[in-house]
Full PDB file with SEQRES, HELIX, SHEET, SSBOND, CRYST1, ORIGX, SCALE, CONECT and MASTER records, all heavy atoms in Angstrom:
SEQRES   1 A   34  TYR ILE PRO THR ALA SER GLY GLY GLY SER ALA ASP GLY          
SEQRES   2 A   34  SER ASN GLY TYR LEU ARG TYR TYR ARG TYR GLY LEU ASP          
SEQRES   3 A   34  GLY ASN GLY LYS PRO THR LEU ALA                              
SHEET    1 AA1 2 ILE A   2  PRO A   3  0                                        
SHEET    2 AA1 2 LEU A  18  ARG A  19 -1                                        
SHEET    1 AA2 2 TYR A  23  LEU A  25  0                                        
SHEET    2 AA2 2 PRO A  31  LEU A  33 -1                                        
CRYST1    1.000    1.000    1.000  90.00  90.00  90.00 P 1           1          
ORIGX1      1.000000  0.000000  0.000000        0.00000                         
ORIGX2      0.000000  1.000000  0.000000        0.00000                         
ORIGX3      0.000000  0.000000  1.000000        0.00000                         
SCALE1      1.000000  0.000000  0.000000        0.00000                         
SCALE2      0.000000  1.000000  0.000000        0.00000                         
SCALE3      0.000000  0.000000  1.000000        0.00000                         
ATOM      1  N   TYR A   1     -11.628  11.934  -2.851  1.00  0.00           N  
ATOM      2  CA  TYR A   1     -10.691  12.317  -1.793  1.00  0.00           C  
ATOM      3  C   TYR A   1      -9.720  11.162  -1.555  1.00  0.00           C  
ATOM      4  O   TYR A   1     -10.149  10.040  -1.307  1.00  0.00           O  
ATOM      5  CB  TYR A   1     -11.463  12.624  -0.504  1.00  0.00           C  
ATOM      6  CG  TYR A   1     -12.625  13.553  -0.763  1.00  0.00           C  
ATOM      7  CD1 TYR A   1     -13.913  13.042  -0.931  1.00  0.00           C  
ATOM      8  CD2 TYR A   1     -12.434  14.922  -0.875  1.00  0.00           C  
ATOM      9  CE1 TYR A   1     -14.981  13.888  -1.193  1.00  0.00           C  
ATOM     10  CE2 TYR A   1     -13.495  15.771  -1.143  1.00  0.00           C  
ATOM     11  CZ  TYR A   1     -14.768  15.246  -1.300  1.00  0.00           C  
ATOM     12  OH  TYR A   1     -15.819  16.081  -1.571  1.00  0.00           O  
ATOM     13  N   ILE A   2      -8.413  11.471  -1.635  1.00  0.00           N  
ATOM     14  CA  ILE A   2      -7.398  10.427  -1.486  1.00  0.00           C  
ATOM     15  C   ILE A   2      -6.240  10.960  -0.638  1.00  0.00           C  
ATOM     16  O   ILE A   2      -5.559  11.903  -1.039  1.00  0.00           O  
ATOM     17  CB  ILE A   2      -6.847   9.966  -2.858  1.00  0.00           C  
ATOM     18  CG1 ILE A   2      -7.979   9.480  -3.764  1.00  0.00           C  
ATOM     19  CG2 ILE A   2      -5.787   8.888  -2.664  1.00  0.00           C  
ATOM     20  CD1 ILE A   2      -7.537   9.213  -5.201  1.00  0.00           C  
ATOM     21  N   PRO A   3      -5.977  10.339   0.514  1.00  0.00           N  
ATOM     22  CA  PRO A   3      -4.765  10.668   1.253  1.00  0.00           C  
ATOM     23  C   PRO A   3      -3.612   9.810   0.734  1.00  0.00           C  
ATOM     24  O   PRO A   3      -3.761   8.605   0.573  1.00  0.00           O  
ATOM     25  CB  PRO A   3      -5.114  10.314   2.693  1.00  0.00           C  
ATOM     26  CG  PRO A   3      -6.109   9.200   2.555  1.00  0.00           C  
ATOM     27  CD  PRO A   3      -6.853   9.446   1.269  1.00  0.00           C  
ATOM     28  N   THR A   4      -2.492  10.427   0.467  1.00  0.00           N  
ATOM     29  CA  THR A   4      -1.339   9.657   0.021  1.00  0.00           C  
ATOM     30  C   THR A   4      -0.464   9.333   1.217  1.00  0.00           C  
ATOM     31  O   THR A   4      -0.565   9.961   2.268  1.00  0.00           O  
ATOM     32  CB  THR A   4      -0.517  10.424  -1.037  1.00  0.00           C  
ATOM     33  OG1 THR A   4       0.044  11.601  -0.434  1.00  0.00           O  
ATOM     34  CG2 THR A   4      -1.373  10.809  -2.228  1.00  0.00           C  
ATOM     35  N   ALA A   5       0.404   8.354   1.052  1.00  0.00           N  
ATOM     36  CA  ALA A   5       1.332   7.971   2.106  1.00  0.00           C  
ATOM     37  C   ALA A   5       2.760   8.344   1.740  1.00  0.00           C  
ATOM     38  O   ALA A   5       3.688   8.069   2.480  1.00  0.00           O  
ATOM     39  CB  ALA A   5       1.234   6.477   2.387  1.00  0.00           C  
ATOM     40  N   SER A   6       2.935   8.948   0.580  1.00  0.00           N  
ATOM     41  CA  SER A   6       4.217   9.513   0.181  1.00  0.00           C  
ATOM     42  C   SER A   6       3.911  10.778  -0.607  1.00  0.00           C  
ATOM     43  O   SER A   6       2.814  10.946  -1.137  1.00  0.00           O  
ATOM     44  CB  SER A   6       5.043   8.517  -0.642  1.00  0.00           C  
ATOM     45  OG  SER A   6       4.403   8.194  -1.851  1.00  0.00           O  
ATOM     46  N   GLY A   7       4.885  11.655  -0.668  1.00  0.00           N  
ATOM     47  CA  GLY A   7       4.622  12.976  -1.217  1.00  0.00           C  
ATOM     48  C   GLY A   7       4.549  13.107  -2.715  1.00  0.00           C  
ATOM     49  O   GLY A   7       3.810  13.924  -3.237  1.00  0.00           O  
ATOM     50  N   GLY A   8       5.288  12.312  -3.448  1.00  0.00           N  
ATOM     51  CA  GLY A   8       5.364  12.517  -4.883  1.00  0.00           C  
ATOM     52  C   GLY A   8       5.217  11.241  -5.659  1.00  0.00           C  
ATOM     53  O   GLY A   8       4.355  10.429  -5.377  1.00  0.00           O  
ATOM     54  N   GLY A   9       6.104  11.054  -6.644  1.00  0.00           N  
ATOM     55  CA  GLY A   9       6.015   9.915  -7.531  1.00  0.00           C  
ATOM     56  C   GLY A   9       6.596   8.631  -6.979  1.00  0.00           C  
ATOM     57  O   GLY A   9       6.649   7.633  -7.661  1.00  0.00           O  
ATOM     58  N   SER A  10       7.009   8.635  -5.717  1.00  0.00           N  
ATOM     59  CA  SER A  10       7.587   7.424  -5.143  1.00  0.00           C  
ATOM     60  C   SER A  10       6.577   6.727  -4.241  1.00  0.00           C  
ATOM     61  O   SER A  10       5.560   7.285  -3.878  1.00  0.00           O  
ATOM     62  CB  SER A  10       8.833   7.767  -4.323  1.00  0.00           C  
ATOM     63  OG  SER A  10       8.465   8.427  -3.133  1.00  0.00           O  
ATOM     64  N   ALA A  11       6.889   5.521  -3.869  1.00  0.00           N  
ATOM     65  CA  ALA A  11       6.034   4.749  -2.961  1.00  0.00           C  
ATOM     66  C   ALA A  11       6.775   4.487  -1.656  1.00  0.00           C  
ATOM     67  O   ALA A  11       6.646   3.441  -1.061  1.00  0.00           O  
ATOM     68  CB  ALA A  11       5.643   3.441  -3.636  1.00  0.00           C  
ATOM     69  N   ASP A  12       7.546   5.474  -1.184  1.00  0.00           N  
ATOM     70  CA  ASP A  12       8.411   5.246  -0.035  1.00  0.00           C  
ATOM     71  C   ASP A  12       7.677   5.156   1.300  1.00  0.00           C  
ATOM     72  O   ASP A  12       8.220   4.675   2.271  1.00  0.00           O  
ATOM     73  CB  ASP A  12       9.509   6.305   0.039  1.00  0.00           C  
ATOM     74  CG  ASP A  12       8.990   7.712   0.265  1.00  0.00           C  
ATOM     75  OD1 ASP A  12       7.763   7.913   0.321  1.00  0.00           O  
ATOM     76  OD2 ASP A  12       9.820   8.631   0.379  1.00  0.00           O  
ATOM     77  N   GLY A  13       6.438   5.608   1.388  1.00  0.00           N  
ATOM     78  CA  GLY A  13       5.658   5.442   2.603  1.00  0.00           C  
ATOM     79  C   GLY A  13       6.164   6.210   3.793  1.00  0.00           C  
ATOM     80  O   GLY A  13       6.482   5.624   4.809  1.00  0.00           O  
ATOM     81  N   SER A  14       6.240   7.506   3.708  1.00  0.00           N  
ATOM     82  CA  SER A  14       6.675   8.326   4.836  1.00  0.00           C  
ATOM     83  C   SER A  14       5.566   9.307   5.194  1.00  0.00           C  
ATOM     84  O   SER A  14       4.807   9.083   6.114  1.00  0.00           O  
ATOM     85  CB  SER A  14       7.972   9.048   4.494  1.00  0.00           C  
ATOM     86  OG  SER A  14       7.815   9.784   3.293  1.00  0.00           O  
ATOM     87  N   ASN A  15       5.460  10.375   4.467  1.00  0.00           N  
ATOM     88  CA  ASN A  15       4.410  11.376   4.655  1.00  0.00           C  
ATOM     89  C   ASN A  15       3.857  11.777   3.303  1.00  0.00           C  
ATOM     90  O   ASN A  15       4.598  11.907   2.335  1.00  0.00           O  
ATOM     91  CB  ASN A  15       4.952  12.619   5.363  1.00  0.00           C  
ATOM     92  CG  ASN A  15       5.181  12.376   6.837  1.00  0.00           C  
ATOM     93  OD1 ASN A  15       4.262  12.023   7.561  1.00  0.00           O  
ATOM     94  ND2 ASN A  15       6.416  12.549   7.271  1.00  0.00           N  
ATOM     95  N   GLY A  16       2.569  11.994   3.253  1.00  0.00           N  
ATOM     96  CA  GLY A  16       1.919  12.415   2.025  1.00  0.00           C  
ATOM     97  C   GLY A  16       0.958  13.554   2.313  1.00  0.00           C  
ATOM     98  O   GLY A  16       1.138  14.306   3.269  1.00  0.00           O  
ATOM     99  N   TYR A  17      -0.096  13.650   1.501  1.00  0.00           N  
ATOM    100  CA  TYR A  17      -1.038  14.756   1.597  1.00  0.00           C  
ATOM    101  C   TYR A  17      -2.452  14.270   1.327  1.00  0.00           C  
ATOM    102  O   TYR A  17      -2.657  13.252   0.669  1.00  0.00           O  
ATOM    103  CB  TYR A  17      -0.682  15.835   0.566  1.00  0.00           C  
ATOM    104  CG  TYR A  17       0.716  16.362   0.747  1.00  0.00           C  
ATOM    105  CD1 TYR A  17       1.775  15.845   0.005  1.00  0.00           C  
ATOM    106  CD2 TYR A  17       0.982  17.339   1.691  1.00  0.00           C  
ATOM    107  CE1 TYR A  17       3.066  16.312   0.205  1.00  0.00           C  
ATOM    108  CE2 TYR A  17       2.273  17.801   1.891  1.00  0.00           C  
ATOM    109  CZ  TYR A  17       3.310  17.283   1.137  1.00  0.00           C  
ATOM    110  OH  TYR A  17       4.576  17.733   1.349  1.00  0.00           O  
ATOM    111  N   LEU A  18      -3.421  15.042   1.799  1.00  0.00           N  
ATOM    112  CA  LEU A  18      -4.801  14.808   1.427  1.00  0.00           C  
ATOM    113  C   LEU A  18      -5.030  15.550   0.118  1.00  0.00           C  
ATOM    114  O   LEU A  18      -4.763  16.747   0.021  1.00  0.00           O  
ATOM    115  CB  LEU A  18      -5.757  15.326   2.507  1.00  0.00           C  
ATOM    116  CG  LEU A  18      -7.240  15.253   2.181  1.00  0.00           C  
ATOM    117  CD1 LEU A  18      -7.689  13.820   1.905  1.00  0.00           C  
ATOM    118  CD2 LEU A  18      -8.066  15.877   3.304  1.00  0.00           C  
ATOM    119  N   ARG A  19      -5.502  14.819  -0.888  1.00  0.00           N  
ATOM    120  CA  ARG A  19      -5.704  15.416  -2.211  1.00  0.00           C  
ATOM    121  C   ARG A  19      -7.169  15.295  -2.621  1.00  0.00           C  
ATOM    122  O   ARG A  19      -7.804  14.273  -2.378  1.00  0.00           O  
ATOM    123  CB  ARG A  19      -4.805  14.749  -3.234  1.00  0.00           C  
ATOM    124  CG  ARG A  19      -3.318  14.875  -2.878  1.00  0.00           C  
ATOM    125  CD  ARG A  19      -2.440  14.422  -4.011  1.00  0.00           C  
ATOM    126  NE  ARG A  19      -1.068  14.226  -3.651  1.00  0.00           N  
ATOM    127  CZ  ARG A  19      -0.130  15.163  -3.640  1.00  0.00           C  
ATOM    128  NH1 ARG A  19      -0.417  16.392  -3.956  1.00  0.00           N  
ATOM    129  NH2 ARG A  19       1.117  14.862  -3.313  1.00  0.00           N  
ATOM    130  N   TYR A  20      -7.669  16.354  -3.249  1.00  0.00           N  
ATOM    131  CA  TYR A  20      -9.034  16.388  -3.780  1.00  0.00           C  
ATOM    132  C   TYR A  20      -8.946  16.356  -5.297  1.00  0.00           C  
ATOM    133  O   TYR A  20      -8.156  17.090  -5.903  1.00  0.00           O  
ATOM    134  CB  TYR A  20      -9.728  17.692  -3.405  1.00  0.00           C  
ATOM    135  CG  TYR A  20     -10.226  17.837  -1.999  1.00  0.00           C  
ATOM    136  CD1 TYR A  20      -9.622  17.217  -0.913  1.00  0.00           C  
ATOM    137  CD2 TYR A  20     -11.313  18.661  -1.732  1.00  0.00           C  
ATOM    138  CE1 TYR A  20     -10.104  17.398   0.379  1.00  0.00           C  
ATOM    139  CE2 TYR A  20     -11.797  18.848  -0.450  1.00  0.00           C  
ATOM    140  CZ  TYR A  20     -11.182  18.226   0.598  1.00  0.00           C  
ATOM    141  OH  TYR A  20     -11.655  18.414   1.876  1.00  0.00           O  
ATOM    142  N   TYR A  21      -9.786  15.544  -5.906  1.00  0.00           N  
ATOM    143  CA  TYR A  21      -9.883  15.455  -7.362  1.00  0.00           C  
ATOM    144  C   TYR A  21     -11.314  15.784  -7.761  1.00  0.00           C  
ATOM    145  O   TYR A  21     -12.265  15.375  -7.089  1.00  0.00           O  
ATOM    146  CB  TYR A  21      -9.532  14.045  -7.843  1.00  0.00           C  
ATOM    147  CG  TYR A  21      -8.135  13.628  -7.462  1.00  0.00           C  
ATOM    148  CD1 TYR A  21      -7.881  13.058  -6.213  1.00  0.00           C  
ATOM    149  CD2 TYR A  21      -7.067  13.819  -8.324  1.00  0.00           C  
ATOM    150  CE1 TYR A  21      -6.603  12.689  -5.840  1.00  0.00           C  
ATOM    151  CE2 TYR A  21      -5.779  13.453  -7.961  1.00  0.00           C  
ATOM    152  CZ  TYR A  21      -5.557  12.890  -6.721  1.00  0.00           C  
ATOM    153  OH  TYR A  21      -4.289  12.533  -6.346  1.00  0.00           O  
ATOM    154  N   ARG A  22     -11.478  16.498  -8.846  1.00  0.00           N  
ATOM    155  CA  ARG A  22     -12.817  16.866  -9.319  1.00  0.00           C  
ATOM    156  C   ARG A  22     -13.128  16.103 -10.590  1.00  0.00           C  
ATOM    157  O   ARG A  22     -12.291  15.989 -11.489  1.00  0.00           O  
ATOM    158  CB  ARG A  22     -12.896  18.351  -9.587  1.00  0.00           C  
ATOM    159  CG  ARG A  22     -14.242  18.748 -10.152  1.00  0.00           C  
ATOM    160  CD  ARG A  22     -14.831  19.886  -9.473  1.00  0.00           C  
ATOM    161  NE  ARG A  22     -16.226  19.977  -9.875  1.00  0.00           N  
ATOM    162  CZ  ARG A  22     -16.903  21.066  -9.830  1.00  0.00           C  
ATOM    163  NH1 ARG A  22     -16.342  22.158  -9.384  1.00  0.00           N  
ATOM    164  NH2 ARG A  22     -18.157  21.084 -10.204  1.00  0.00           N  
ATOM    165  N   TYR A  23     -14.348  15.596 -10.647  1.00  0.00           N  
ATOM    166  CA  TYR A  23     -14.838  14.898 -11.832  1.00  0.00           C  
ATOM    167  C   TYR A  23     -15.184  15.931 -12.912  1.00  0.00           C  
ATOM    168  O   TYR A  23     -15.663  17.017 -12.628  1.00  0.00           O  
ATOM    169  CB  TYR A  23     -16.083  14.082 -11.483  1.00  0.00           C  
ATOM    170  CG  TYR A  23     -16.742  13.467 -12.685  1.00  0.00           C  
ATOM    171  CD1 TYR A  23     -16.239  12.307 -13.245  1.00  0.00           C  
ATOM    172  CD2 TYR A  23     -17.846  14.068 -13.279  1.00  0.00           C  
ATOM    173  CE1 TYR A  23     -16.829  11.740 -14.363  1.00  0.00           C  
ATOM    174  CE2 TYR A  23     -18.444  13.508 -14.393  1.00  0.00           C  
ATOM    175  CZ  TYR A  23     -17.933  12.349 -14.931  1.00  0.00           C  
ATOM    176  OH  TYR A  23     -18.512  11.803 -16.036  1.00  0.00           O  
ATOM    177  N   GLY A  24     -14.945  15.560 -14.166  1.00  0.00           N  
ATOM    178  CA  GLY A  24     -15.307  16.424 -15.279  1.00  0.00           C  
ATOM    179  C   GLY A  24     -15.256  15.659 -16.586  1.00  0.00           C  
ATOM    180  O   GLY A  24     -15.050  14.437 -16.604  1.00  0.00           O  
ATOM    181  N   LEU A  25     -15.437  16.387 -17.663  1.00  0.00           N  
ATOM    182  CA  LEU A  25     -15.361  15.817 -19.011  1.00  0.00           C  
ATOM    183  C   LEU A  25     -14.316  16.580 -19.796  1.00  0.00           C  
ATOM    184  O   LEU A  25     -14.217  17.807 -19.673  1.00  0.00           O  
ATOM    185  CB  LEU A  25     -16.722  15.921 -19.717  1.00  0.00           C  
ATOM    186  CG  LEU A  25     -17.895  15.207 -19.036  1.00  0.00           C  
ATOM    187  CD1 LEU A  25     -19.196  15.535 -19.761  1.00  0.00           C  
ATOM    188  CD2 LEU A  25     -17.663  13.710 -18.996  1.00  0.00           C  
ATOM    189  N   ASP A  26     -13.539  15.860 -20.613  1.00  0.00           N  
ATOM    190  CA  ASP A  26     -12.568  16.541 -21.457  1.00  0.00           C  
ATOM    191  C   ASP A  26     -13.273  17.112 -22.689  1.00  0.00           C  
ATOM    192  O   ASP A  26     -14.500  17.022 -22.821  1.00  0.00           O  
ATOM    193  CB  ASP A  26     -11.399  15.624 -21.814  1.00  0.00           C  
ATOM    194  CG  ASP A  26     -11.760  14.474 -22.738  1.00  0.00           C  
ATOM    195  OD1 ASP A  26     -12.860  14.463 -23.332  1.00  0.00           O  
ATOM    196  OD2 ASP A  26     -10.915  13.566 -22.890  1.00  0.00           O  
ATOM    197  N   GLY A  27     -12.524  17.688 -23.602  1.00  0.00           N  
ATOM    198  CA  GLY A  27     -13.079  18.303 -24.801  1.00  0.00           C  
ATOM    199  C   GLY A  27     -13.830  17.348 -25.701  1.00  0.00           C  
ATOM    200  O   GLY A  27     -14.657  17.770 -26.516  1.00  0.00           O  
ATOM    201  N   ASN A  28     -13.571  16.058 -25.561  1.00  0.00           N  
ATOM    202  CA  ASN A  28     -14.260  15.042 -26.361  1.00  0.00           C  
ATOM    203  C   ASN A  28     -15.416  14.382 -25.605  1.00  0.00           C  
ATOM    204  O   ASN A  28     -15.977  13.398 -26.071  1.00  0.00           O  
ATOM    205  CB  ASN A  28     -13.272  13.958 -26.802  1.00  0.00           C  
ATOM    206  CG  ASN A  28     -12.193  14.515 -27.698  1.00  0.00           C  
ATOM    207  OD1 ASN A  28     -12.456  15.339 -28.562  1.00  0.00           O  
ATOM    208  ND2 ASN A  28     -10.955  14.088 -27.464  1.00  0.00           N  
ATOM    209  N   GLY A  29     -15.739  14.893 -24.415  1.00  0.00           N  
ATOM    210  CA  GLY A  29     -16.817  14.323 -23.626  1.00  0.00           C  
ATOM    211  C   GLY A  29     -16.436  13.086 -22.841  1.00  0.00           C  
ATOM    212  O   GLY A  29     -17.288  12.396 -22.299  1.00  0.00           O  
ATOM    213  N   LYS A  30     -15.142  12.802 -22.751  1.00  0.00           N  
ATOM    214  CA  LYS A  30     -14.644  11.632 -22.016  1.00  0.00           C  
ATOM    215  C   LYS A  30     -14.461  11.995 -20.541  1.00  0.00           C  
ATOM    216  O   LYS A  30     -13.894  13.040 -20.218  1.00  0.00           O  
ATOM    217  CB  LYS A  30     -13.309  11.199 -22.623  1.00  0.00           C  
ATOM    218  CG  LYS A  30     -12.731   9.934 -22.051  1.00  0.00           C  
ATOM    219  CD  LYS A  30     -11.453   9.584 -22.807  1.00  0.00           C  
ATOM    220  CE  LYS A  30     -10.752   8.409 -22.182  1.00  0.00           C  
ATOM    221  NZ  LYS A  30      -9.491   8.109 -22.861  1.00  0.00           N  
ATOM    222  N   PRO A  31     -14.926  11.133 -19.620  1.00  0.00           N  
ATOM    223  CA  PRO A  31     -14.776  11.420 -18.185  1.00  0.00           C  
ATOM    224  C   PRO A  31     -13.310  11.554 -17.776  1.00  0.00           C  
ATOM    225  O   PRO A  31     -12.444  10.803 -18.244  1.00  0.00           O  
ATOM    226  CB  PRO A  31     -15.410  10.207 -17.507  1.00  0.00           C  
ATOM    227  CG  PRO A  31     -16.324   9.622 -18.521  1.00  0.00           C  
ATOM    228  CD  PRO A  31     -15.661   9.878 -19.847  1.00  0.00           C  
ATOM    229  N   THR A  32     -13.056  12.495 -16.877  1.00  0.00           N  
ATOM    230  CA  THR A  32     -11.712  12.725 -16.363  1.00  0.00           C  
ATOM    231  C   THR A  32     -11.776  13.097 -14.887  1.00  0.00           C  
ATOM    232  O   THR A  32     -12.824  13.474 -14.374  1.00  0.00           O  
ATOM    233  CB  THR A  32     -10.998  13.880 -17.098  1.00  0.00           C  
ATOM    234  OG1 THR A  32     -11.720  15.088 -16.871  1.00  0.00           O  
ATOM    235  CG2 THR A  32     -10.870  13.621 -18.579  1.00  0.00           C  
ATOM    236  N   LEU A  33     -10.643  13.002 -14.234  1.00  0.00           N  
ATOM    237  CA  LEU A  33     -10.453  13.540 -12.897  1.00  0.00           C  
ATOM    238  C   LEU A  33      -9.315  14.542 -12.976  1.00  0.00           C  
ATOM    239  O   LEU A  33      -8.346  14.325 -13.707  1.00  0.00           O  
ATOM    240  CB  LEU A  33     -10.092  12.450 -11.887  1.00  0.00           C  
ATOM    241  CG  LEU A  33     -11.186  11.476 -11.503  1.00  0.00           C  
ATOM    242  CD1 LEU A  33     -10.630  10.369 -10.612  1.00  0.00           C  
ATOM    243  CD2 LEU A  33     -12.333  12.180 -10.803  1.00  0.00           C  
ATOM    244  N   ALA A  34      -9.422  15.621 -12.220  1.00  0.00           N  
ATOM    245  CA  ALA A  34      -8.358  16.622 -12.173  1.00  0.00           C  
ATOM    246  C   ALA A  34      -8.022  16.910 -10.718  1.00  0.00           C  
ATOM    247  O   ALA A  34      -8.928  17.062  -9.886  1.00  0.00           O  
ATOM    248  CB  ALA A  34      -8.802  17.904 -12.865  1.00  0.00           C  
TER     249      ALA A  34                                                      
MASTER        0    0    0    0    4    0    0    6  248    1    0    3          
END                                                                             
């Protein structure tokens, strides 16, 4: 769980969102987050 402080690809520090990422494995068995 990660709250951002900006909405997109910038680091402007205004408003962001609470984002959830799920742990998993890719097709080669390598750990990933989505």
